[in-house]
Amino acid sequence: MLRHRVDAGAAGLLVTHEARHAAWADRVVFLRDGVIVDSTGSPDSPESLLAGHGTRGRG
């Protein structure tokens, strides 16, 4: 159902520890202790997605 909605243009976010569920994603961001350590499927770095947006509580 989520995949169908995203394909129709909706934004979706799935948080999981299951690789089989993450395999359905267009982009996967890997975190370790709250820090981005790797990502797949995005031409932009995950950090660039945060640039220019409020990052309260960071730094």
PDB file of N, CA and C in Angstrom:
ATOM      1  N   MET A   1       0.826  -1.187   0.000  1.00  0.00           N
ATOM      2  CA  MET A   1       0.000   0.000   0.000  1.00  0.00           C
ATOM      3  C   MET A   1       0.876   1.258   0.000  1.00  0.00           C
ATOM      4  N   LEU A   2       1.921   1.264   0.857  1.00  0.00           N
ATOM      5  CA  LEU A   2       2.818   2.420   0.912  1.00  0.00           C
ATOM      6  C   LEU A   2       3.503   2.628  -0.435  1.00  0.00           C
ATOM      7  N   ARG A   3       4.000   1.553  -1.055  1.00  0.00           N
ATOM      8  CA  ARG A   3       4.676   1.664  -2.355  1.00  0.00           C
ATOM      9  C   ARG A   3       3.733   2.257  -3.391  1.00  0.00           C
ATOM     10  N   HIS A   4       2.482   1.834  -3.396  1.00  0.00           N
ATOM     11  CA  HIS A   4       1.494   2.344  -4.348  1.00  0.00           C
ATOM     12  C   HIS A   4       1.296   3.847  -4.170  1.00  0.00           C
ATOM     13  N   ARG A   5       1.201   4.299  -2.926  1.00  0.00           N
ATOM     14  CA  ARG A   5       0.996   5.730  -2.655  1.00  0.00           C
ATOM     15  C   ARG A   5       2.218   6.548  -3.068  1.00  0.00           C
ATOM     16  N   VAL A   6       3.404   6.043  -2.798  1.00  0.00           N
ATOM     17  CA  VAL A   6       4.634   6.757  -3.173  1.00  0.00           C
ATOM     18  C   VAL A   6       4.746   6.827  -4.692  1.00  0.00           C
ATOM     19  N   ASP A   7       4.441   5.739  -5.371  1.00  0.00           N
ATOM     20  CA  ASP A   7       4.467   5.745  -6.834  1.00  0.00           C
ATOM     21  C   ASP A   7       3.473   6.744  -7.408  1.00  0.00           C
ATOM     22  N   ALA A   8       2.409   7.037  -6.656  1.00  0.00           N
ATOM     23  CA  ALA A   8       1.401   8.003  -7.087  1.00  0.00           C
ATOM     24  C   ALA A   8       1.793   9.442  -6.744  1.00  0.00           C
ATOM     25  N   GLY A   9       2.945   9.620  -6.054  1.00  0.00           N
ATOM     26  CA  GLY A   9       3.428  10.971  -5.788  1.00  0.00           C
ATOM     27  C   GLY A   9       3.497  11.373  -4.328  1.00  0.00           C
ATOM     28  N   ALA A  10       3.033  10.538  -3.429  1.00  0.00           N
ATOM     29  CA  ALA A  10       3.086  10.870  -2.000  1.00  0.00           C
ATOM     30  C   ALA A  10       4.499  10.632  -1.460  1.00  0.00           C
ATOM     31  N   ALA A  11       4.852  11.350  -0.420  1.00  0.00           N
ATOM     32  CA  ALA A  11       6.120  11.103   0.277  1.00  0.00           C
ATOM     33  C   ALA A  11       5.877  10.034   1.334  1.00  0.00           C
ATOM     34  N   GLY A  12       6.849   9.176   1.516  1.00  0.00           N
ATOM     35  CA  GLY A  12       6.714   8.122   2.511  1.00  0.00           C
ATOM     36  C   GLY A  12       8.008   7.945   3.275  1.00  0.00           C
ATOM     37  N   LEU A  13       7.885   7.551   4.504  1.00  0.00           N
ATOM     38  CA  LEU A  13       9.050   7.299   5.349  1.00  0.00           C
ATOM     39  C   LEU A  13       8.811   5.996   6.096  1.00  0.00           C
ATOM     40  N   LEU A  14       9.762   5.089   5.989  1.00  0.00           N
ATOM     41  CA  LEU A  14       9.692   3.821   6.693  1.00  0.00           C
ATOM     42  C   LEU A  14      10.968   3.674   7.501  1.00  0.00           C
ATOM     43  N   VAL A  15      10.832   3.447   8.780  1.00  0.00           N
ATOM     44  CA  VAL A  15      11.983   3.225   9.655  1.00  0.00           C
ATOM     45  C   VAL A  15      11.974   1.752  10.029  1.00  0.00           C
ATOM     46  N   THR A  16      13.074   1.058   9.726  1.00  0.00           N
ATOM     47  CA  THR A  16      13.110  -0.379   9.966  1.00  0.00           C
ATOM     48  C   THR A  16      14.529  -0.859  10.212  1.00  0.00           C
ATOM     49  N   HIS A  17      14.630  -1.992  10.844  1.00  0.00           N
ATOM     50  CA  HIS A  17      15.902  -2.696  10.993  1.00  0.00           C
ATOM     51  C   HIS A  17      15.936  -3.897  10.047  1.00  0.00           C
ATOM     52  N   GLU A  18      14.864  -4.114   9.295  1.00  0.00           N
ATOM     53  CA  GLU A  18      14.727  -5.275   8.421  1.00  0.00           C
ATOM     54  C   GLU A  18      15.185  -4.948   7.000  1.00  0.00           C
ATOM     55  N   ALA A  19      16.252  -5.608   6.548  1.00  0.00           N
ATOM     56  CA  ALA A  19      16.775  -5.382   5.200  1.00  0.00           C
ATOM     57  C   ALA A  19      15.732  -5.707   4.133  1.00  0.00           C
ATOM     58  N   ARG A  20      14.897  -6.706   4.380  1.00  0.00           N
ATOM     59  CA  ARG A  20      13.885  -7.075   3.374  1.00  0.00           C
ATOM     60  C   ARG A  20      12.862  -5.956   3.169  1.00  0.00           C
ATOM     61  N   HIS A  21      12.585  -5.166   4.193  1.00  0.00           N
ATOM     62  CA  HIS A  21      11.668  -4.036   4.041  1.00  0.00           C
ATOM     63  C   HIS A  21      12.387  -2.852   3.415  1.00  0.00           C
ATOM     64  N   ALA A  22      13.627  -2.623   3.804  1.00  0.00           N
ATOM     65  CA  ALA A  22      14.410  -1.518   3.247  1.00  0.00           C
ATOM     66  C   ALA A  22      14.635  -1.705   1.749  1.00  0.00           C
ATOM     67  N   ALA A  23      14.642  -2.938   1.277  1.00  0.00           N
ATOM     68  CA  ALA A  23      14.864  -3.225  -0.137  1.00  0.00           C
ATOM     69  C   ALA A  23      13.796  -2.606  -1.035  1.00  0.00           C
ATOM     70  N   TRP A  24      12.640  -2.299  -0.484  1.00  0.00           N
ATOM     71  CA  TRP A  24      11.565  -1.681  -1.263  1.00  0.00           C
ATOM     72  C   TRP A  24      11.776  -0.186  -1.458  1.00  0.00           C
ATOM     73  N   ALA A  25      12.682   0.410  -0.718  1.00  0.00           N
ATOM     74  CA  ALA A  25      12.851   1.861  -0.707  1.00  0.00           C
ATOM     75  C   ALA A  25      13.617   2.372  -1.925  1.00  0.00           C
ATOM     76  N   ASP A  26      13.334   3.613  -2.296  1.00  0.00           N
ATOM     77  CA  ASP A  26      14.082   4.294  -3.348  1.00  0.00           C
ATOM     78  C   ASP A  26      15.396   4.833  -2.788  1.00  0.00           C
ATOM     79  N   ARG A  27      15.405   5.137  -1.523  1.00  0.00           N
ATOM     80  CA  ARG A  27      16.585   5.676  -0.845  1.00  0.00           C
ATOM     81  C   ARG A  27      16.658   5.048   0.536  1.00  0.00           C
ATOM     82  N   VAL A  28      17.865   4.665   0.938  1.00  0.00           N
ATOM     83  CA  VAL A  28      18.085   4.108   2.268  1.00  0.00           C
ATOM     84  C   VAL A  28      19.189   4.913   2.931  1.00  0.00           C
ATOM     85  N   VAL A  29      18.948   5.354   4.146  1.00  0.00           N
ATOM     86  CA  VAL A  29      19.933   6.108   4.917  1.00  0.00           C
ATOM     87  C   VAL A  29      20.274   5.264   6.146  1.00  0.00           C
ATOM     88  N   PHE A  30      21.558   5.037   6.346  1.00  0.00           N
ATOM     89  CA  PHE A  30      22.018   4.223   7.465  1.00  0.00           C
ATOM     90  C   PHE A  30      22.515   5.137   8.586  1.00  0.00           C
ATOM     91  N   LEU A  31      22.034   4.896   9.789  1.00  0.00           N
ATOM     92  CA  LEU A  31      22.431   5.674  10.963  1.00  0.00           C
ATOM     93  C   LEU A  31      23.169   4.784  11.950  1.00  0.00           C
ATOM     94  N   ARG A  32      24.130   5.371  12.621  1.00  0.00           N
ATOM     95  CA  ARG A  32      24.802   4.698  13.741  1.00  0.00           C
ATOM     96  C   ARG A  32      24.933   5.736  14.848  1.00  0.00           C
ATOM     97  N   ASP A  33      24.343   5.473  15.984  1.00  0.00           N
ATOM     98  CA  ASP A  33      24.367   6.403  17.114  1.00  0.00           C
ATOM     99  C   ASP A  33      23.888   7.792  16.707  1.00  0.00           C
ATOM    100  N   GLY A  34      22.857   7.844  15.853  1.00  0.00           N
ATOM    101  CA  GLY A  34      22.255   9.104  15.442  1.00  0.00           C
ATOM    102  C   GLY A  34      23.023   9.867  14.385  1.00  0.00           C
ATOM    103  N   VAL A  35      24.053   9.263  13.796  1.00  0.00           N
ATOM    104  CA  VAL A  35      24.874   9.921  12.776  1.00  0.00           C
ATOM    105  C   VAL A  35      24.734   9.150  11.471  1.00  0.00           C
ATOM    106  N   ILE A  36      24.542   9.872  10.364  1.00  0.00           N
ATOM    107  CA  ILE A  36      24.459   9.241   9.057  1.00  0.00           C
ATOM    108  C   ILE A  36      25.828   8.669   8.706  1.00  0.00           C
ATOM    109  N   VAL A  37      25.876   7.362   8.443  1.00  0.00           N
ATOM    110  CA  VAL A  37      27.147   6.719   8.118  1.00  0.00           C
ATOM    111  C   VAL A  37      27.203   6.242   6.672  1.00  0.00           C
ATOM    112  N   ASP A  38      26.054   6.140   5.993  1.00  0.00           N
ATOM    113  CA  ASP A  38      26.036   5.703   4.603  1.00  0.00           C
ATOM    114  C   ASP A  38      24.638   5.931   4.050  1.00  0.00           C
ATOM    115  N   SER A  39      24.527   5.923   2.722  1.00  0.00           N
ATOM    116  CA  SER A  39      23.215   6.035   2.095  1.00  0.00           C
ATOM    117  C   SER A  39      23.265   5.403   0.716  1.00  0.00           C
ATOM    118  N   THR A  40      22.103   5.068   0.190  1.00  0.00           N
ATOM    119  CA  THR A  40      21.985   4.523  -1.152  1.00  0.00           C
ATOM    120  C   THR A  40      20.848   5.224  -1.865  1.00  0.00           C
ATOM    121  N   GLY A  41      20.904   5.243  -3.192  1.00  0.00           N
ATOM    122  CA  GLY A  41      19.771   5.674  -3.995  1.00  0.00           C
ATOM    123  C   GLY A  41      19.544   7.153  -4.148  1.00  0.00           C
ATOM    124  N   SER A  42      20.427   8.000  -3.676  1.00  0.00           N
ATOM    125  CA  SER A  42      20.217   9.437  -3.799  1.00  0.00           C
ATOM    126  C   SER A  42      21.442  10.091  -4.420  1.00  0.00           C
ATOM    127  N   PRO A  43      21.243  10.922  -5.432  1.00  0.00           N
ATOM    128  CA  PRO A  43      22.390  11.629  -6.008  1.00  0.00           C
ATOM    129  C   PRO A  43      22.952  12.678  -5.045  1.00  0.00           C
ATOM    130  N   ASP A  44      22.138  13.151  -4.125  1.00  0.00           N
ATOM    131  CA  ASP A  44      22.566  14.133  -3.129  1.00  0.00           C
ATOM    132  C   ASP A  44      22.947  13.418  -1.846  1.00  0.00           C
ATOM    133  N   SER A  45      23.878  13.993  -1.109  1.00  0.00           N
ATOM    134  CA  SER A  45      24.213  13.414   0.189  1.00  0.00           C
ATOM    135  C   SER A  45      23.081  13.706   1.160  1.00  0.00           C
ATOM    136  N   PRO A  46      22.858  12.834   2.133  1.00  0.00           N
ATOM    137  CA  PRO A  46      21.802  13.092   3.123  1.00  0.00           C
ATOM    138  C   PRO A  46      22.018  14.421   3.844  1.00  0.00           C
ATOM    139  N   GLU A  47      23.278  14.792   4.075  1.00  0.00           N
ATOM    140  CA  GLU A  47      23.551  16.051   4.758  1.00  0.00           C
ATOM    141  C   GLU A  47      23.083  17.242   3.920  1.00  0.00           C
ATOM    142  N   SER A  48      23.177  17.138   2.603  1.00  0.00           N
ATOM    143  CA  SER A  48      22.750  18.244   1.746  1.00  0.00           C
ATOM    144  C   SER A  48      21.245  18.444   1.814  1.00  0.00           C
ATOM    145  N   LEU A  49      20.509  17.386   2.144  1.00  0.00           N
ATOM    146  CA  LEU A  49      19.063  17.513   2.282  1.00  0.00           C
ATOM    147  C   LEU A  49      18.707  18.381   3.485  1.00  0.00           C
ATOM    148  N   LEU A  50      19.604  18.453   4.472  1.00  0.00           N
ATOM    149  CA  LEU A  50      19.373  19.246   5.668  1.00  0.00           C
ATOM    150  C   LEU A  50      19.853  20.682   5.512  1.00  0.00           C
ATOM    151  N   ALA A  51      20.714  20.940   4.539  1.00  0.00           N
ATOM    152  CA  ALA A  51      21.289  22.274   4.350  1.00  0.00           C
ATOM    153  C   ALA A  51      20.181  23.294   4.112  1.00  0.00           C
ATOM    154  N   GLY A  52      20.259  24.389   4.842  1.00  0.00           N
ATOM    155  CA  GLY A  52      19.282  25.453   4.677  1.00  0.00           C
ATOM    156  C   GLY A  52      17.996  25.244   5.449  1.00  0.00           C
ATOM    157  N   HIS A  53      17.867  24.123   6.106  1.00  0.00           N
ATOM    158  CA  HIS A  53      16.672  23.856   6.901  1.00  0.00           C
ATOM    159  C   HIS A  53      17.033  23.976   8.375  1.00  0.00           C
ATOM    160  N   GLY A  54      16.058  24.267   9.178  1.00  0.00           N
ATOM    161  CA  GLY A  54      16.311  24.362  10.608  1.00  0.00           C
ATOM    162  C   GLY A  54      16.878  23.073  11.151  1.00  0.00           C
ATOM    163  N   THR A  55      17.994  23.162  11.821  1.00  0.00           N
ATOM    164  CA  THR A  55      18.630  21.975  12.406  1.00  0.00           C
ATOM    165  C   THR A  55      18.796  22.194  13.887  1.00  0.00           C
ATOM    166  N   ARG A  56      17.708  22.611  14.547  1.00  0.00           N
ATOM    167  CA  ARG A  56      17.757  22.826  15.988  1.00  0.00           C
ATOM    168  C   ARG A  56      18.264  21.605  16.697  1.00  0.00           C
ATOM    169  N   GLY A  57      19.084  21.846  17.693  1.00  0.00           N
ATOM    170  CA  GLY A  57      19.595  20.742  18.470  1.00  0.00           C
ATOM    171  C   GLY A  57      20.845  20.126  17.888  1.00  0.00           C
ATOM    172  N   ARG A  58      21.313  20.631  16.758  1.00  0.00           N
ATOM    173  CA  ARG A  58      22.537  20.099  16.147  1.00  0.00           C
ATOM    174  C   ARG A  58      23.660  21.091  16.342  1.00  0.00           C
ATOM    175  N   GLY A  59      24.842  20.550  16.631  1.00  0.00           N
ATOM    176  CA  GLY A  59      26.055  21.364  16.692  1.00  0.00           C
ATOM    177  C   GLY A  59      26.124  22.235  17.824  1.00  0.00           C
TER     178      GLY A  59
END
